Amino acid sequence: MQRNEYRGPPDLSAEQIARIIGPNTVYVREVDVDELKDTGVIPADTPVSKKQRFFALHAADGRRVAVLDDRDMAFVAARQHELEPVSVH
């Protein structure tokens, strides 16, 4: 009898992951000001304290769909749009 060896997780595309997880799941993660400025969400010349916290909602395929400045409100906003929020770190 041959033993099965664990070969690690399969390589899945973002689209395959999105189909497995489901279209209604969104991920909530903290993002810092510099990331938001680098991607143009916040204009680079806008004065924002480095202590300011922001939370992004991401679709299962990784697309950012919203940014809020309150973690609890990110979860509320997701649920109001019939989405299931999941926290990631």
PDB file of N, CA and C in Angstrom:
ATOM      1  N   MET A   1       0.834  -1.177   0.000  1.00  0.00           N
ATOM      2  CA  MET A   1       0.000   0.000   0.000  1.00  0.00           C
ATOM      3  C   MET A   1       0.880   1.242   0.000  1.00  0.00           C
ATOM      4  N   GLN A   2       0.609   2.149  -0.900  1.00  0.00           N
ATOM      5  CA  GLN A   2       1.422   3.354  -1.044  1.00  0.00           C
ATOM      6  C   GLN A   2       0.838   4.487  -0.205  1.00  0.00           C
ATOM      7  N   ARG A   3       1.726   5.187   0.503  1.00  0.00           N
ATOM      8  CA  ARG A   3       1.284   6.334   1.306  1.00  0.00           C
ATOM      9  C   ARG A   3       1.122   7.553   0.427  1.00  0.00           C
ATOM     10  N   ASN A   4       0.058   8.291   0.672  1.00  0.00           N
ATOM     11  CA  ASN A   4      -0.128   9.557  -0.033  1.00  0.00           C
ATOM     12  C   ASN A   4       0.725  10.615   0.637  1.00  0.00           C
ATOM     13  N   GLU A   5       1.480  11.322  -0.156  1.00  0.00           N
ATOM     14  CA  GLU A   5       2.306  12.410   0.369  1.00  0.00           C
ATOM     15  C   GLU A   5       1.583  13.723   0.147  1.00  0.00           C
ATOM     16  N   TYR A   6       1.648  14.570   1.165  1.00  0.00           N
ATOM     17  CA  TYR A   6       1.043  15.898   1.045  1.00  0.00           C
ATOM     18  C   TYR A   6       1.907  16.739   0.123  1.00  0.00           C
ATOM     19  N   ARG A   7       1.311  17.305  -0.886  1.00  0.00           N
ATOM     20  CA  ARG A   7       2.054  18.097  -1.866  1.00  0.00           C
ATOM     21  C   ARG A   7       1.769  19.583  -1.753  1.00  0.00           C
ATOM     22  N   GLY A   8       1.092  19.991  -0.700  1.00  0.00           N
ATOM     23  CA  GLY A   8       0.766  21.401  -0.525  1.00  0.00           C
ATOM     24  C   GLY A   8      -0.538  21.750  -1.206  1.00  0.00           C
ATOM     25  N   PRO A   9      -0.969  22.995  -1.036  1.00  0.00           N
ATOM     26  CA  PRO A   9      -2.243  23.410  -1.627  1.00  0.00           C
ATOM     27  C   PRO A   9      -2.118  23.501  -3.146  1.00  0.00           C
ATOM     28  N   PRO A  10      -3.208  23.237  -3.858  1.00  0.00           N
ATOM     29  CA  PRO A  10      -3.160  23.370  -5.313  1.00  0.00           C
ATOM     30  C   PRO A  10      -3.049  24.840  -5.704  1.00  0.00           C
ATOM     31  N   ASP A  11      -2.451  25.092  -6.846  1.00  0.00           N
ATOM     32  CA  ASP A  11      -2.376  26.458  -7.360  1.00  0.00           C
ATOM     33  C   ASP A  11      -3.725  26.805  -7.980  1.00  0.00           C
ATOM     34  N   LEU A  12      -4.400  27.778  -7.391  1.00  0.00           N
ATOM     35  CA  LEU A  12      -5.704  28.196  -7.879  1.00  0.00           C
ATOM     36  C   LEU A  12      -5.649  29.640  -8.319  1.00  0.00           C
ATOM     37  N   SER A  13      -6.372  29.961  -9.364  1.00  0.00           N
ATOM     38  CA  SER A  13      -6.469  31.344  -9.810  1.00  0.00           C
ATOM     39  C   SER A  13      -7.439  32.098  -8.910  1.00  0.00           C
ATOM     40  N   ALA A  14      -7.415  33.418  -8.993  1.00  0.00           N
ATOM     41  CA  ALA A  14      -8.349  34.241  -8.214  1.00  0.00           C
ATOM     42  C   ALA A  14      -9.789  33.898  -8.581  1.00  0.00           C
ATOM     43  N   GLU A  15     -10.045  33.615  -9.850  1.00  0.00           N
ATOM     44  CA  GLU A  15     -11.395  33.269 -10.282  1.00  0.00           C
ATOM     45  C   GLU A  15     -11.843  31.940  -9.686  1.00  0.00           C
ATOM     46  N   GLN A  16     -10.935  30.959  -9.634  1.00  0.00           N
ATOM     47  CA  GLN A  16     -11.281  29.664  -9.049  1.00  0.00           C
ATOM     48  C   GLN A  16     -11.567  29.800  -7.550  1.00  0.00           C
ATOM     49  N   ILE A  17     -10.757  30.591  -6.869  1.00  0.00           N
ATOM     50  CA  ILE A  17     -10.976  30.827  -5.441  1.00  0.00           C
ATOM     51  C   ILE A  17     -12.327  31.497  -5.231  1.00  0.00           C
ATOM     52  N   ALA A  18     -12.641  32.484  -6.054  1.00  0.00           N
ATOM     53  CA  ALA A  18     -13.914  33.199  -5.930  1.00  0.00           C
ATOM     54  C   ALA A  18     -15.099  32.245  -6.122  1.00  0.00           C
ATOM     55  N   ARG A  19     -14.988  31.297  -7.057  1.00  0.00           N
ATOM     56  CA  ARG A  19     -16.076  30.338  -7.265  1.00  0.00           C
ATOM     57  C   ARG A  19     -16.230  29.404  -6.078  1.00  0.00           C
ATOM     58  N   ILE A  20     -15.112  28.991  -5.482  1.00  0.00           N
ATOM     59  CA  ILE A  20     -15.167  28.083  -4.332  1.00  0.00           C
ATOM     60  C   ILE A  20     -15.767  28.786  -3.121  1.00  0.00           C
ATOM     61  N   ILE A  21     -15.286  29.985  -2.845  1.00  0.00           N
ATOM     62  CA  ILE A  21     -15.715  30.718  -1.650  1.00  0.00           C
ATOM     63  C   ILE A  21     -17.132  31.256  -1.818  1.00  0.00           C
ATOM     64  N   GLY A  22     -17.444  31.723  -2.984  1.00  0.00           N
ATOM     65  CA  GLY A  22     -18.772  32.255  -3.242  1.00  0.00           C
ATOM     66  C   GLY A  22     -18.734  33.739  -3.517  1.00  0.00           C
ATOM     67  N   PRO A  23     -19.672  34.194  -4.309  1.00  0.00           N
ATOM     68  CA  PRO A  23     -19.671  35.600  -4.729  1.00  0.00           C
ATOM     69  C   PRO A  23     -20.072  36.576  -3.632  1.00  0.00           C
ATOM     70  N   ASN A  24     -20.620  36.095  -2.528  1.00  0.00           N
ATOM     71  CA  ASN A  24     -21.103  37.003  -1.491  1.00  0.00           C
ATOM     72  C   ASN A  24     -20.134  37.183  -0.334  1.00  0.00           C
ATOM     73  N   THR A  25     -18.964  36.590  -0.410  1.00  0.00           N
ATOM     74  CA  THR A  25     -17.984  36.740   0.657  1.00  0.00           C
ATOM     75  C   THR A  25     -17.061  37.902   0.342  1.00  0.00           C
ATOM     76  N   VAL A  26     -16.852  38.767   1.321  1.00  0.00           N
ATOM     77  CA  VAL A  26     -15.866  39.848   1.188  1.00  0.00           C
ATOM     78  C   VAL A  26     -14.907  39.770   2.365  1.00  0.00           C
ATOM     79  N   TYR A  27     -13.687  40.179   2.121  1.00  0.00           N
ATOM     80  CA  TYR A  27     -12.660  40.162   3.146  1.00  0.00           C
ATOM     81  C   TYR A  27     -12.441  41.574   3.652  1.00  0.00           C
ATOM     82  N   VAL A  28     -12.349  41.718   4.962  1.00  0.00           N
ATOM     83  CA  VAL A  28     -12.091  43.015   5.584  1.00  0.00           C
ATOM     84  C   VAL A  28     -10.663  42.982   6.104  1.00  0.00           C
ATOM     85  N   ARG A  29      -9.849  43.922   5.653  1.00  0.00           N
ATOM     86  CA  ARG A  29      -8.480  43.987   6.159  1.00  0.00           C
ATOM     87  C   ARG A  29      -8.082  45.444   6.357  1.00  0.00           C
ATOM     88  N   GLU A  30      -7.213  45.649   7.333  1.00  0.00           N
ATOM     89  CA  GLU A  30      -6.726  47.001   7.600  1.00  0.00           C
ATOM     90  C   GLU A  30      -5.712  47.386   6.524  1.00  0.00           C
ATOM     91  N   VAL A  31      -5.818  48.612   6.056  1.00  0.00           N
ATOM     92  CA  VAL A  31      -4.853  49.152   5.090  1.00  0.00           C
ATOM     93  C   VAL A  31      -4.321  50.456   5.638  1.00  0.00           C
ATOM     94  N   ASP A  32      -3.058  50.740   5.366  1.00  0.00           N
ATOM     95  CA  ASP A  32      -2.505  51.988   5.895  1.00  0.00           C
ATOM     96  C   ASP A  32      -2.623  53.118   4.871  1.00  0.00           C
ATOM     97  N   VAL A  33      -2.429  54.309   5.350  1.00  0.00           N
ATOM     98  CA  VAL A  33      -2.582  55.523   4.552  1.00  0.00           C
ATOM     99  C   VAL A  33      -1.687  55.487   3.319  1.00  0.00           C
ATOM    100  N   ASP A  34      -0.435  55.051   3.493  1.00  0.00           N
ATOM    101  CA  ASP A  34       0.499  55.041   2.361  1.00  0.00           C
ATOM    102  C   ASP A  34       0.009  54.144   1.231  1.00  0.00           C
ATOM    103  N   GLU A  35      -0.547  52.994   1.572  1.00  0.00           N
ATOM    104  CA  GLU A  35      -1.071  52.102   0.531  1.00  0.00           C
ATOM    105  C   GLU A  35      -2.211  52.777  -0.221  1.00  0.00           C
ATOM    106  N   LEU A  36      -3.084  53.456   0.514  1.00  0.00           N
ATOM    107  CA  LEU A  36      -4.211  54.130  -0.131  1.00  0.00           C
ATOM    108  C   LEU A  36      -3.747  55.294  -0.996  1.00  0.00           C
ATOM    109  N   LYS A  37      -2.714  55.986  -0.557  1.00  0.00           N
ATOM    110  CA  LYS A  37      -2.161  57.068  -1.374  1.00  0.00           C
ATOM    111  C   LYS A  37      -1.437  56.522  -2.596  1.00  0.00           C
ATOM    112  N   ASP A  38      -0.693  55.419  -2.427  1.00  0.00           N
ATOM    113  CA  ASP A  38       0.032  54.820  -3.548  1.00  0.00           C
ATOM    114  C   ASP A  38      -0.902  54.331  -4.643  1.00  0.00           C
ATOM    115  N   THR A  39      -2.089  53.877  -4.262  1.00  0.00           N
ATOM    116  CA  THR A  39      -3.035  53.358  -5.251  1.00  0.00           C
ATOM    117  C   THR A  39      -4.040  54.405  -5.723  1.00  0.00           C
ATOM    118  N   GLY A  40      -3.928  55.628  -5.214  1.00  0.00           N
ATOM    119  CA  GLY A  40      -4.788  56.710  -5.675  1.00  0.00           C
ATOM    120  C   GLY A  40      -6.143  56.787  -5.003  1.00  0.00           C
ATOM    121  N   VAL A  41      -6.396  55.959  -4.007  1.00  0.00           N
ATOM    122  CA  VAL A  41      -7.668  56.028  -3.288  1.00  0.00           C
ATOM    123  C   VAL A  41      -7.760  57.346  -2.531  1.00  0.00           C
ATOM    124  N   ILE A  42      -6.643  57.748  -1.960  1.00  0.00           N
ATOM    125  CA  ILE A  42      -6.524  59.054  -1.306  1.00  0.00           C
ATOM    126  C   ILE A  42      -5.495  59.845  -2.098  1.00  0.00           C
ATOM    127  N   PRO A  43      -5.810  61.077  -2.496  1.00  0.00           N
ATOM    128  CA  PRO A  43      -4.817  61.879  -3.215  1.00  0.00           C
ATOM    129  C   PRO A  43      -3.521  62.015  -2.408  1.00  0.00           C
ATOM    130  N   ALA A  44      -2.398  61.916  -3.092  1.00  0.00           N
ATOM    131  CA  ALA A  44      -1.084  61.906  -2.442  1.00  0.00           C
ATOM    132  C   ALA A  44      -0.832  63.136  -1.579  1.00  0.00           C
ATOM    133  N   ASP A  45      -1.399  64.275  -1.949  1.00  0.00           N
ATOM    134  CA  ASP A  45      -1.136  65.512  -1.201  1.00  0.00           C
ATOM    135  C   ASP A  45      -2.142  65.772  -0.071  1.00  0.00           C
ATOM    136  N   THR A  46      -3.045  64.844   0.181  1.00  0.00           N
ATOM    137  CA  THR A  46      -4.034  64.993   1.247  1.00  0.00           C
ATOM    138  C   THR A  46      -3.387  64.701   2.593  1.00  0.00           C
ATOM    139  N   PRO A  47      -3.462  65.656   3.527  1.00  0.00           N
ATOM    140  CA  PRO A  47      -2.878  65.407   4.844  1.00  0.00           C
ATOM    141  C   PRO A  47      -3.745  64.437   5.653  1.00  0.00           C
ATOM    142  N   VAL A  48      -3.181  63.290   5.982  1.00  0.00           N
ATOM    143  CA  VAL A  48      -3.870  62.280   6.784  1.00  0.00           C
ATOM    144  C   VAL A  48      -2.882  61.777   7.827  1.00  0.00           C
ATOM    145  N   SER A  49      -3.313  61.740   9.059  1.00  0.00           N
ATOM    146  CA  SER A  49      -2.467  61.251  10.144  1.00  0.00           C
ATOM    147  C   SER A  49      -2.085  59.799   9.905  1.00  0.00           C
ATOM    148  N   LYS A  50      -0.830  59.472  10.202  1.00  0.00           N
ATOM    149  CA  LYS A  50      -0.361  58.087  10.089  1.00  0.00           C
ATOM    150  C   LYS A  50      -1.109  57.180  11.077  1.00  0.00           C
ATOM    151  N   LYS A  51      -1.711  57.770  12.098  1.00  0.00           N
ATOM    152  CA  LYS A  51      -2.453  56.989  13.089  1.00  0.00           C
ATOM    153  C   LYS A  51      -3.864  56.641  12.610  1.00  0.00           C
ATOM    154  N   GLN A  52      -4.334  57.308  11.560  1.00  0.00           N
ATOM    155  CA  GLN A  52      -5.671  57.049  11.026  1.00  0.00           C
ATOM    156  C   GLN A  52      -5.737  55.621  10.498  1.00  0.00           C
ATOM    157  N   ARG A  53      -6.778  54.910  10.864  1.00  0.00           N
ATOM    158  CA  ARG A  53      -6.947  53.528  10.434  1.00  0.00           C
ATOM    159  C   ARG A  53      -8.001  53.453   9.340  1.00  0.00           C
ATOM    160  N   PHE A  54      -7.759  52.616   8.347  1.00  0.00           N
ATOM    161  CA  PHE A  54      -8.700  52.382   7.260  1.00  0.00           C
ATOM    162  C   PHE A  54      -8.881  50.887   7.079  1.00  0.00           C
ATOM    163  N   PHE A  55     -10.063  50.495   6.619  1.00  0.00           N
ATOM    164  CA  PHE A  55     -10.381  49.093   6.430  1.00  0.00           C
ATOM    165  C   PHE A  55     -10.974  48.914   5.035  1.00  0.00           C
ATOM    166  N   ALA A  56     -10.373  48.014   4.277  1.00  0.00           N
ATOM    167  CA  ALA A  56     -10.816  47.757   2.907  1.00  0.00           C
ATOM    168  C   ALA A  56     -11.640  46.484   2.855  1.00  0.00           C
ATOM    169  N   LEU A  57     -12.670  46.520   2.025  1.00  0.00           N
ATOM    170  CA  LEU A  57     -13.449  45.336   1.702  1.00  0.00           C
ATOM    171  C   LEU A  57     -12.946  44.836   0.355  1.00  0.00           C
ATOM    172  N   HIS A  58     -12.607  43.550   0.300  1.00  0.00           N
ATOM    173  CA  HIS A  58     -12.115  42.945  -0.940  1.00  0.00           C
ATOM    174  C   HIS A  58     -13.016  41.795  -1.348  1.00  0.00           C
ATOM    175  N   ALA A  59     -13.328  41.726  -2.635  1.00  0.00           N
ATOM    176  CA  ALA A  59     -14.072  40.587  -3.166  1.00  0.00           C
ATOM    177  C   ALA A  59     -13.180  39.354  -3.097  1.00  0.00           C
ATOM    178  N   ALA A  60     -13.764  38.192  -3.275  1.00  0.00           N
ATOM    179  CA  ALA A  60     -13.011  36.946  -3.189  1.00  0.00           C
ATOM    180  C   ALA A  60     -11.875  36.878  -4.212  1.00  0.00           C
ATOM    181  N   ASP A  61     -12.013  37.595  -5.322  1.00  0.00           N
ATOM    182  CA  ASP A  61     -10.953  37.581  -6.334  1.00  0.00           C
ATOM    183  C   ASP A  61      -9.874  38.627  -6.069  1.00  0.00           C
ATOM    184  N   GLY A  62      -9.976  39.334  -4.935  1.00  0.00           N
ATOM    185  CA  GLY A  62      -8.940  40.292  -4.542  1.00  0.00           C
ATOM    186  C   GLY A  62      -9.249  41.745  -4.872  1.00  0.00           C
ATOM    187  N   ARG A  63     -10.271  41.999  -5.671  1.00  0.00           N
ATOM    188  CA  ARG A  63     -10.597  43.393  -6.015  1.00  0.00           C
ATOM    189  C   ARG A  63     -11.041  44.155  -4.784  1.00  0.00           C
ATOM    190  N   ARG A  64     -10.526  45.368  -4.614  1.00  0.00           N
ATOM    191  CA  ARG A  64     -10.977  46.230  -3.520  1.00  0.00           C
ATOM    192  C   ARG A  64     -12.303  46.840  -3.940  1.00  0.00           C
ATOM    193  N   VAL A  65     -13.320  46.684  -3.096  1.00  0.00           N
ATOM    194  CA  VAL A  65     -14.637  47.196  -3.450  1.00  0.00           C
ATOM    195  C   VAL A  65     -15.072  48.373  -2.592  1.00  0.00           C
ATOM    196  N   ALA A  66     -14.400  48.604  -1.462  1.00  0.00           N
ATOM    197  CA  ALA A  66     -14.745  49.745  -0.607  1.00  0.00           C
ATOM    198  C   ALA A  66     -13.633  49.969   0.406  1.00  0.00           C
ATOM    199  N   VAL A  67     -13.565  51.204   0.899  1.00  0.00           N
ATOM    200  CA  VAL A  67     -12.640  51.562   1.985  1.00  0.00           C
ATOM    201  C   VAL A  67     -13.411  52.411   2.978  1.00  0.00           C
ATOM    202  N   LEU A  68     -13.335  52.037   4.256  1.00  0.00           N
ATOM    203  CA  LEU A  68     -13.995  52.786   5.315  1.00  0.00           C
ATOM    204  C   LEU A  68     -12.979  53.086   6.412  1.00  0.00           C
ATOM    205  N   ASP A  69     -13.310  54.042   7.254  1.00  0.00           N
ATOM    206  CA  ASP A  69     -12.381  54.400   8.333  1.00  0.00           C
ATOM    207  C   ASP A  69     -12.798  53.816   9.686  1.00  0.00           C
ATOM    208  N   ASP A  70     -13.701  52.833   9.659  1.00  0.00           N
ATOM    209  CA  ASP A  70     -14.161  52.206  10.891  1.00  0.00           C
ATOM    210  C   ASP A  70     -14.402  50.726  10.609  1.00  0.00           C
ATOM    211  N   ARG A  71     -13.740  49.853  11.365  1.00  0.00           N
ATOM    212  CA  ARG A  71     -13.839  48.415  11.135  1.00  0.00           C
ATOM    213  C   ARG A  71     -15.272  47.911  11.294  1.00  0.00           C
ATOM    214  N   ASP A  72     -15.928  48.327  12.361  1.00  0.00           N
ATOM    215  CA  ASP A  72     -17.302  47.878  12.580  1.00  0.00           C
ATOM    216  C   ASP A  72     -18.218  48.310  11.436  1.00  0.00           C
ATOM    217  N   MET A  73     -18.029  49.518  10.950  1.00  0.00           N
ATOM    218  CA  MET A  73     -18.858  50.005   9.846  1.00  0.00           C
ATOM    219  C   MET A  73     -18.569  49.250   8.549  1.00  0.00           C
ATOM    220  N   ALA A  74     -17.343  48.767   8.381  1.00  0.00           N
ATOM    221  CA  ALA A  74     -17.024  47.950   7.207  1.00  0.00           C
ATOM    222  C   ALA A  74     -17.861  46.673   7.220  1.00  0.00           C
ATOM    223  N   PHE A  75     -17.983  46.058   8.397  1.00  0.00           N
ATOM    224  CA  PHE A  75     -18.810  44.860   8.520  1.00  0.00           C
ATOM    225  C   PHE A  75     -20.282  45.179   8.305  1.00  0.00           C
ATOM    226  N   VAL A  76     -20.739  46.286   8.868  1.00  0.00           N
ATOM    227  CA  VAL A  76     -22.140  46.697   8.701  1.00  0.00           C
ATOM    228  C   VAL A  76     -22.435  46.972   7.231  1.00  0.00           C
ATOM    229  N   ALA A  77     -21.551  47.697   6.573  1.00  0.00           N
ATOM    230  CA  ALA A  77     -21.760  48.030   5.162  1.00  0.00           C
ATOM    231  C   ALA A  77     -21.826  46.767   4.311  1.00  0.00           C
ATOM    232  N   ALA A  78     -20.959  45.808   4.588  1.00  0.00           N
ATOM    233  CA  ALA A  78     -20.987  44.551   3.832  1.00  0.00           C
ATOM    234  C   ALA A  78     -22.328  43.854   4.013  1.00  0.00           C
ATOM    235  N   ARG A  79     -22.766  43.750   5.246  1.00  0.00           N
ATOM    236  CA  ARG A  79     -24.032  43.048   5.518  1.00  0.00           C
ATOM    237  C   ARG A  79     -25.233  43.781   4.915  1.00  0.00           C
ATOM    238  N   GLN A  80     -25.174  45.127   4.892  1.00  0.00           N
ATOM    239  CA  GLN A  80     -26.268  45.889   4.293  1.00  0.00           C
ATOM    240  C   GLN A  80     -26.385  45.619   2.796  1.00  0.00           C
ATOM    241  N   HIS A  81     -25.281  45.180   2.192  1.00  0.00           N
ATOM    242  CA  HIS A  81     -25.286  44.862   0.759  1.00  0.00           C
ATOM    243  C   HIS A  81     -25.361  43.351   0.525  1.00  0.00           C
ATOM    244  N   GLU A  82     -25.868  42.634   1.556  1.00  0.00           N
ATOM    245  CA  GLU A  82     -26.061  41.187   1.480  1.00  0.00           C
ATOM    246  C   GLU A  82     -24.778  40.434   1.178  1.00  0.00           C
ATOM    247  N   LEU A  83     -23.673  40.919   1.767  1.00  0.00           N
ATOM    248  CA  LEU A  83     -22.375  40.263   1.646  1.00  0.00           C
ATOM    249  C   LEU A  83     -21.992  39.691   3.000  1.00  0.00           C
ATOM    250  N   GLU A  84     -21.170  38.657   2.979  1.00  0.00           N
ATOM    251  CA  GLU A  84     -20.712  38.013   4.216  1.00  0.00           C
ATOM    252  C   GLU A  84     -19.263  38.423   4.474  1.00  0.00           C
ATOM    253  N   PRO A  85     -19.030  39.329   5.444  1.00  0.00           N
ATOM    254  CA  PRO A  85     -17.661  39.782   5.714  1.00  0.00           C
ATOM    255  C   PRO A  85     -16.858  38.777   6.532  1.00  0.00           C
ATOM    256  N   VAL A  86     -15.574  38.667   6.177  1.00  0.00           N
ATOM    257  CA  VAL A  86     -14.632  37.813   6.888  1.00  0.00           C
ATOM    258  C   VAL A  86     -13.387  38.643   7.148  1.00  0.00           C
ATOM    259  N   SER A  87     -12.895  38.608   8.370  1.00  0.00           N
ATOM    260  CA  SER A  87     -11.714  39.379   8.728  1.00  0.00           C
ATOM    261  C   SER A  87     -10.443  38.639   8.334  1.00  0.00           C
ATOM    262  N   VAL A  88      -9.497  39.359   7.752  1.00  0.00           N
ATOM    263  CA  VAL A  88      -8.165  38.815   7.486  1.00  0.00           C
ATOM    264  C   VAL A  88      -7.133  39.755   8.067  1.00  0.00           C
ATOM    265  N   HIS A  89      -5.980  39.192   8.392  1.00  0.00           N
ATOM    266  CA  HIS A  89      -4.929  40.006   9.035  1.00  0.00           C
ATOM    267  C   HIS A  89      -3.736  40.149   8.149  1.00  0.00           C
TER     268      HIS A  89
END
